[in-house]
Amino acid sequence: MAGTEKLKLREVLIEIKMSRAAFYRMRARGRAPKLIKLSNGQIRCRRTDLDAWWAKHEMSA
């Protein structure tokens, strides 16, 4: 979707206050925010996907 903010993994880790290793463990269990791989090989997370992840975790808390 054009105009959607795409965050670098480093930015996501800072926002959710998590180490890269912990994030990838969570991702392996299917519990991390959705990531996308760009054509240049870089990893990004759409702001909308991160916001949806936050909302899901706020409701389950």
PDB file of N, CA and C in Angstrom:
ATOM      1  N   MET A   1       0.858  -1.178   0.000  1.00  0.00           N
ATOM      2  CA  MET A   1       0.000   0.000   0.000  1.00  0.00           C
ATOM      3  C   MET A   1       0.903   1.240   0.000  1.00  0.00           C
ATOM      4  N   ALA A   2       0.716   2.099  -0.931  1.00  0.00           N
ATOM      5  CA  ALA A   2       1.534   3.301  -1.047  1.00  0.00           C
ATOM      6  C   ALA A   2       1.263   4.237   0.122  1.00  0.00           C
ATOM      7  N   GLY A   3       2.331   4.864   0.602  1.00  0.00           N
ATOM      8  CA  GLY A   3       2.184   5.839   1.677  1.00  0.00           C
ATOM      9  C   GLY A   3       2.212   5.240   3.071  1.00  0.00           C
ATOM     10  N   THR A   4       2.289   3.906   3.178  1.00  0.00           N
ATOM     11  CA  THR A   4       2.337   3.273   4.478  1.00  0.00           C
ATOM     12  C   THR A   4       3.770   3.329   5.002  1.00  0.00           C
ATOM     13  N   GLU A   5       3.919   3.802   6.229  1.00  0.00           N
ATOM     14  CA  GLU A   5       5.255   3.887   6.834  1.00  0.00           C
ATOM     15  C   GLU A   5       5.809   2.492   7.059  1.00  0.00           C
ATOM     16  N   LYS A   6       7.062   2.292   6.685  1.00  0.00           N
ATOM     17  CA  LYS A   6       7.744   1.023   6.895  1.00  0.00           C
ATOM     18  C   LYS A   6       8.917   1.259   7.838  1.00  0.00           C
ATOM     19  N   LEU A   7       8.891   0.591   8.974  1.00  0.00           N
ATOM     20  CA  LEU A   7       9.912   0.766  10.001  1.00  0.00           C
ATOM     21  C   LEU A   7      11.036  -0.244   9.820  1.00  0.00           C
ATOM     22  N   LYS A   8      12.255   0.186  10.104  1.00  0.00           N
ATOM     23  CA  LYS A   8      13.382  -0.729  10.118  1.00  0.00           C
ATOM     24  C   LYS A   8      13.256  -1.595  11.360  1.00  0.00           C
ATOM     25  N   LEU A   9      13.830  -2.789  11.303  1.00  0.00           N
ATOM     26  CA  LEU A   9      13.758  -3.692  12.445  1.00  0.00           C
ATOM     27  C   LEU A   9      14.316  -3.023  13.695  1.00  0.00           C
ATOM     28  N   ARG A  10      15.386  -2.295  13.566  1.00  0.00           N
ATOM     29  CA  ARG A  10      15.985  -1.585  14.704  1.00  0.00           C
ATOM     30  C   ARG A  10      14.970  -0.647  15.358  1.00  0.00           C
ATOM     31  N   GLU A  11      14.174   0.043  14.545  1.00  0.00           N
ATOM     32  CA  GLU A  11      13.152   0.951  15.074  1.00  0.00           C
ATOM     33  C   GLU A  11      12.058   0.187  15.811  1.00  0.00           C
ATOM     34  N   VAL A  12      11.686  -0.973  15.280  1.00  0.00           N
ATOM     35  CA  VAL A  12      10.672  -1.807  15.932  1.00  0.00           C
ATOM     36  C   VAL A  12      11.193  -2.285  17.280  1.00  0.00           C
ATOM     37  N   LEU A  13      12.444  -2.758  17.308  1.00  0.00           N
ATOM     38  CA  LEU A  13      13.033  -3.258  18.550  1.00  0.00           C
ATOM     39  C   LEU A  13      13.094  -2.179  19.618  1.00  0.00           C
ATOM     40  N   ILE A  14      13.407  -0.959  19.228  1.00  0.00           N
ATOM     41  CA  ILE A  14      13.441   0.160  20.171  1.00  0.00           C
ATOM     42  C   ILE A  14      12.035   0.426  20.706  1.00  0.00           C
ATOM     43  N   GLU A  15      11.054   0.446  19.822  1.00  0.00           N
ATOM     44  CA  GLU A  15       9.685   0.747  20.247  1.00  0.00           C
ATOM     45  C   GLU A  15       9.126  -0.310  21.194  1.00  0.00           C
ATOM     46  N   ILE A  16       9.388  -1.587  20.904  1.00  0.00           N
ATOM     47  CA  ILE A  16       8.833  -2.633  21.761  1.00  0.00           C
ATOM     48  C   ILE A  16       9.780  -3.022  22.895  1.00  0.00           C
ATOM     49  N   LYS A  17      10.926  -2.345  22.940  1.00  0.00           N
ATOM     50  CA  LYS A  17      11.912  -2.556  24.017  1.00  0.00           C
ATOM     51  C   LYS A  17      12.297  -4.027  24.153  1.00  0.00           C
ATOM     52  N   MET A  18      12.838  -4.550  23.056  1.00  0.00           N
ATOM     53  CA  MET A  18      13.180  -5.966  23.007  1.00  0.00           C
ATOM     54  C   MET A  18      14.495  -6.147  22.253  1.00  0.00           C
ATOM     55  N   SER A  19      15.267  -7.128  22.661  1.00  0.00           N
ATOM     56  CA  SER A  19      16.512  -7.427  21.951  1.00  0.00           C
ATOM     57  C   SER A  19      16.193  -8.143  20.641  1.00  0.00           C
ATOM     58  N   ARG A  20      17.138  -8.113  19.747  1.00  0.00           N
ATOM     59  CA  ARG A  20      16.969  -8.786  18.449  1.00  0.00           C
ATOM     60  C   ARG A  20      16.780 -10.292  18.668  1.00  0.00           C
ATOM     61  N   ALA A  21      17.568 -10.884  19.569  1.00  0.00           N
ATOM     62  CA  ALA A  21      17.467 -12.325  19.830  1.00  0.00           C
ATOM     63  C   ALA A  21      16.087 -12.679  20.374  1.00  0.00           C
ATOM     64  N   ALA A  22      15.589 -11.901  21.328  1.00  0.00           N
ATOM     65  CA  ALA A  22      14.263 -12.159  21.905  1.00  0.00           C
ATOM     66  C   ALA A  22      13.183 -11.999  20.836  1.00  0.00           C
ATOM     67  N   PHE A  23      13.339 -11.004  19.976  1.00  0.00           N
ATOM     68  CA  PHE A  23      12.369 -10.787  18.906  1.00  0.00           C
ATOM     69  C   PHE A  23      12.309 -11.997  17.975  1.00  0.00           C
ATOM     70  N   TYR A  24      13.476 -12.513  17.581  1.00  0.00           N
ATOM     71  CA  TYR A  24      13.488 -13.653  16.670  1.00  0.00           C
ATOM     72  C   TYR A  24      12.975 -14.917  17.333  1.00  0.00           C
ATOM     73  N   ARG A  25      13.167 -15.083  18.647  1.00  0.00           N
ATOM     74  CA  ARG A  25      12.558 -16.217  19.347  1.00  0.00           C
ATOM     75  C   ARG A  25      11.035 -16.095  19.311  1.00  0.00           C
ATOM     76  N   MET A  26      10.543 -14.879  19.553  1.00  0.00           N
ATOM     77  CA  MET A  26       9.106 -14.637  19.511  1.00  0.00           C
ATOM     78  C   MET A  26       8.575 -14.861  18.087  1.00  0.00           C
ATOM     79  N   ARG A  27       9.333 -14.444  17.107  1.00  0.00           N
ATOM     80  CA  ARG A  27       8.938 -14.613  15.705  1.00  0.00           C
ATOM     81  C   ARG A  27       8.860 -16.090  15.345  1.00  0.00           C
ATOM     82  N   ALA A  28       9.794 -16.895  15.844  1.00  0.00           N
ATOM     83  CA  ALA A  28       9.798 -18.329  15.572  1.00  0.00           C
ATOM     84  C   ALA A  28       8.545 -19.001  16.132  1.00  0.00           C
ATOM     85  N   ARG A  29       7.985 -18.433  17.198  1.00  0.00           N
ATOM     86  CA  ARG A  29       6.755 -18.961  17.794  1.00  0.00           C
ATOM     87  C   ARG A  29       5.505 -18.361  17.151  1.00  0.00           C
ATOM     88  N   GLY A  30       5.687 -17.477  16.164  1.00  0.00           N
ATOM     89  CA  GLY A  30       4.552 -16.869  15.475  1.00  0.00           C
ATOM     90  C   GLY A  30       3.875 -15.770  16.266  1.00  0.00           C
ATOM     91  N   ARG A  31       4.598 -15.135  17.176  1.00  0.00           N
ATOM     92  CA  ARG A  31       3.994 -14.127  18.048  1.00  0.00           C
ATOM     93  C   ARG A  31       4.538 -12.716  17.838  1.00  0.00           C
ATOM     94  N   ALA A  32       5.339 -12.533  16.830  1.00  0.00           N
ATOM     95  CA  ALA A  32       5.938 -11.219  16.562  1.00  0.00           C
ATOM     96  C   ALA A  32       5.120 -10.460  15.524  1.00  0.00           C
ATOM     97  N   PRO A  33       5.320  -9.146  15.448  1.00  0.00           N
ATOM     98  CA  PRO A  33       4.673  -8.377  14.385  1.00  0.00           C
ATOM     99  C   PRO A  33       5.114  -8.904  13.016  1.00  0.00           C
ATOM    100  N   LYS A  34       4.238  -8.784  12.050  1.00  0.00           N
ATOM    101  CA  LYS A  34       4.523  -9.242  10.693  1.00  0.00           C
ATOM    102  C   LYS A  34       5.643  -8.400  10.083  1.00  0.00           C
ATOM    103  N   LEU A  35       6.585  -9.070   9.437  1.00  0.00           N
ATOM    104  CA  LEU A  35       7.685  -8.398   8.745  1.00  0.00           C
ATOM    105  C   LEU A  35       7.556  -8.622   7.251  1.00  0.00           C
ATOM    106  N   ILE A  36       8.140  -7.710   6.487  1.00  0.00           N
ATOM    107  CA  ILE A  36       8.196  -7.872   5.034  1.00  0.00           C
ATOM    108  C   ILE A  36       9.652  -7.759   4.602  1.00  0.00           C
ATOM    109  N   LYS A  37      10.006  -8.476   3.563  1.00  0.00           N
ATOM    110  CA  LYS A  37      11.359  -8.415   3.017  1.00  0.00           C
ATOM    111  C   LYS A  37      11.301  -7.639   1.713  1.00  0.00           C
ATOM    112  N   LEU A  38      12.069  -6.576   1.633  1.00  0.00           N
ATOM    113  CA  LEU A  38      12.102  -5.752   0.429  1.00  0.00           C
ATOM    114  C   LEU A  38      12.945  -6.421  -0.649  1.00  0.00           C
ATOM    115  N   SER A  39      12.823  -5.957  -1.865  1.00  0.00           N
ATOM    116  CA  SER A  39      13.559  -6.552  -2.988  1.00  0.00           C
ATOM    117  C   SER A  39      15.075  -6.453  -2.821  1.00  0.00           C
ATOM    118  N   ASN A  40      15.535  -5.494  -2.010  1.00  0.00           N
ATOM    119  CA  ASN A  40      16.969  -5.356  -1.771  1.00  0.00           C
ATOM    120  C   ASN A  40      17.438  -6.207  -0.591  1.00  0.00           C
ATOM    121  N   GLY A  41      16.536  -7.018  -0.021  1.00  0.00           N
ATOM    122  CA  GLY A  41      16.887  -7.916   1.061  1.00  0.00           C
ATOM    123  C   GLY A  41      16.685  -7.353   2.460  1.00  0.00           C
ATOM    124  N   GLN A  42      16.369  -6.073   2.563  1.00  0.00           N
ATOM    125  CA  GLN A  42      16.165  -5.459   3.871  1.00  0.00           C
ATOM    126  C   GLN A  42      14.813  -5.861   4.448  1.00  0.00           C
ATOM    127  N   ILE A  43      14.749  -5.888   5.781  1.00  0.00           N
ATOM    128  CA  ILE A  43      13.536  -6.264   6.502  1.00  0.00           C
ATOM    129  C   ILE A  43      12.846  -4.996   7.003  1.00  0.00           C
ATOM    130  N   ARG A  44      11.534  -4.950   6.859  1.00  0.00           N
ATOM    131  CA  ARG A  44      10.750  -3.813   7.347  1.00  0.00           C
ATOM    132  C   ARG A  44       9.475  -4.325   8.010  1.00  0.00           C
ATOM    133  N   CYS A  45       8.870  -3.461   8.802  1.00  0.00           N
ATOM    134  CA  CYS A  45       7.580  -3.742   9.423  1.00  0.00           C
ATOM    135  C   CYS A  45       6.676  -2.557   9.117  1.00  0.00           C
ATOM    136  N   ARG A  46       5.526  -2.839   8.553  1.00  0.00           N
ATOM    137  CA  ARG A  46       4.582  -1.744   8.285  1.00  0.00           C
ATOM    138  C   ARG A  46       4.067  -1.195   9.614  1.00  0.00           C
ATOM    139  N   ARG A  47       3.921   0.104   9.701  1.00  0.00           N
ATOM    140  CA  ARG A  47       3.390   0.747  10.910  1.00  0.00           C
ATOM    141  C   ARG A  47       2.030   0.156  11.259  1.00  0.00           C
ATOM    142  N   THR A  48       1.203  -0.097  10.254  1.00  0.00           N
ATOM    143  CA  THR A  48      -0.130  -0.645  10.509  1.00  0.00           C
ATOM    144  C   THR A  48      -0.044  -2.040  11.135  1.00  0.00           C
ATOM    145  N   ASP A  49       0.925  -2.866  10.692  1.00  0.00           N
ATOM    146  CA  ASP A  49       1.097  -4.205  11.265  1.00  0.00           C
ATOM    147  C   ASP A  49       1.582  -4.119  12.710  1.00  0.00           C
ATOM    148  N   LEU A  50       2.484  -3.190  12.991  1.00  0.00           N
ATOM    149  CA  LEU A  50       2.976  -3.023  14.362  1.00  0.00           C
ATOM    150  C   LEU A  50       1.860  -2.502  15.264  1.00  0.00           C
ATOM    151  N   ASP A  51       1.076  -1.562  14.784  1.00  0.00           N
ATOM    152  CA  ASP A  51      -0.039  -1.038  15.578  1.00  0.00           C
ATOM    153  C   ASP A  51      -1.069  -2.134  15.869  1.00  0.00           C
ATOM    154  N   ALA A  52      -1.332  -2.999  14.883  1.00  0.00           N
ATOM    155  CA  ALA A  52      -2.276  -4.109  15.079  1.00  0.00           C
ATOM    156  C   ALA A  52      -1.712  -5.088  16.111  1.00  0.00           C
ATOM    157  N   TRP A  53      -0.417  -5.341  16.073  1.00  0.00           N
ATOM    158  CA  TRP A  53       0.232  -6.221  17.047  1.00  0.00           C
ATOM    159  C   TRP A  53       0.087  -5.650  18.454  1.00  0.00           C
ATOM    160  N   TRP A  54       0.340  -4.336  18.587  1.00  0.00           N
ATOM    161  CA  TRP A  54       0.173  -3.668  19.892  1.00  0.00           C
ATOM    162  C   TRP A  54      -1.265  -3.834  20.387  1.00  0.00           C
ATOM    163  N   ALA A  55      -2.230  -3.579  19.518  1.00  0.00           N
ATOM    164  CA  ALA A  55      -3.644  -3.661  19.903  1.00  0.00           C
ATOM    165  C   ALA A  55      -4.005  -5.067  20.360  1.00  0.00           C
ATOM    166  N   LYS A  56      -3.512  -6.074  19.666  1.00  0.00           N
ATOM    167  CA  LYS A  56      -3.788  -7.460  20.025  1.00  0.00           C
ATOM    168  C   LYS A  56      -3.230  -7.770  21.413  1.00  0.00           C
ATOM    169  N   HIS A  57      -2.037  -7.290  21.693  1.00  0.00           N
ATOM    170  CA  HIS A  57      -1.418  -7.565  22.979  1.00  0.00           C
ATOM    171  C   HIS A  57      -2.028  -6.757  24.114  1.00  0.00           C
ATOM    172  N   GLU A  58      -2.553  -5.603  23.808  1.00  0.00           N
ATOM    173  CA  GLU A  58      -3.241  -4.802  24.843  1.00  0.00           C
ATOM    174  C   GLU A  58      -4.531  -5.485  25.254  1.00  0.00           C
ATOM    175  N   MET A  59      -5.239  -6.080  24.296  1.00  0.00           N
ATOM    176  CA  MET A  59      -6.513  -6.742  24.605  1.00  0.00           C
ATOM    177  C   MET A  59      -6.303  -8.023  25.400  1.00  0.00           C
ATOM    178  N   SER A  60      -5.195  -8.743  25.141  1.00  0.00           N
ATOM    179  CA  SER A  60      -4.976 -10.017  25.805  1.00  0.00           C
ATOM    180  C   SER A  60      -4.326  -9.865  27.180  1.00  0.00           C
ATOM    181  N   ALA A  61      -3.928  -8.672  27.512  1.00  0.00           N
ATOM    182  CA  ALA A  61      -3.243  -8.462  28.798  1.00  0.00           C
ATOM    183  C   ALA A  61      -4.227  -8.407  29.955  1.00  0.00           C
TER     184      ALA A  61
END
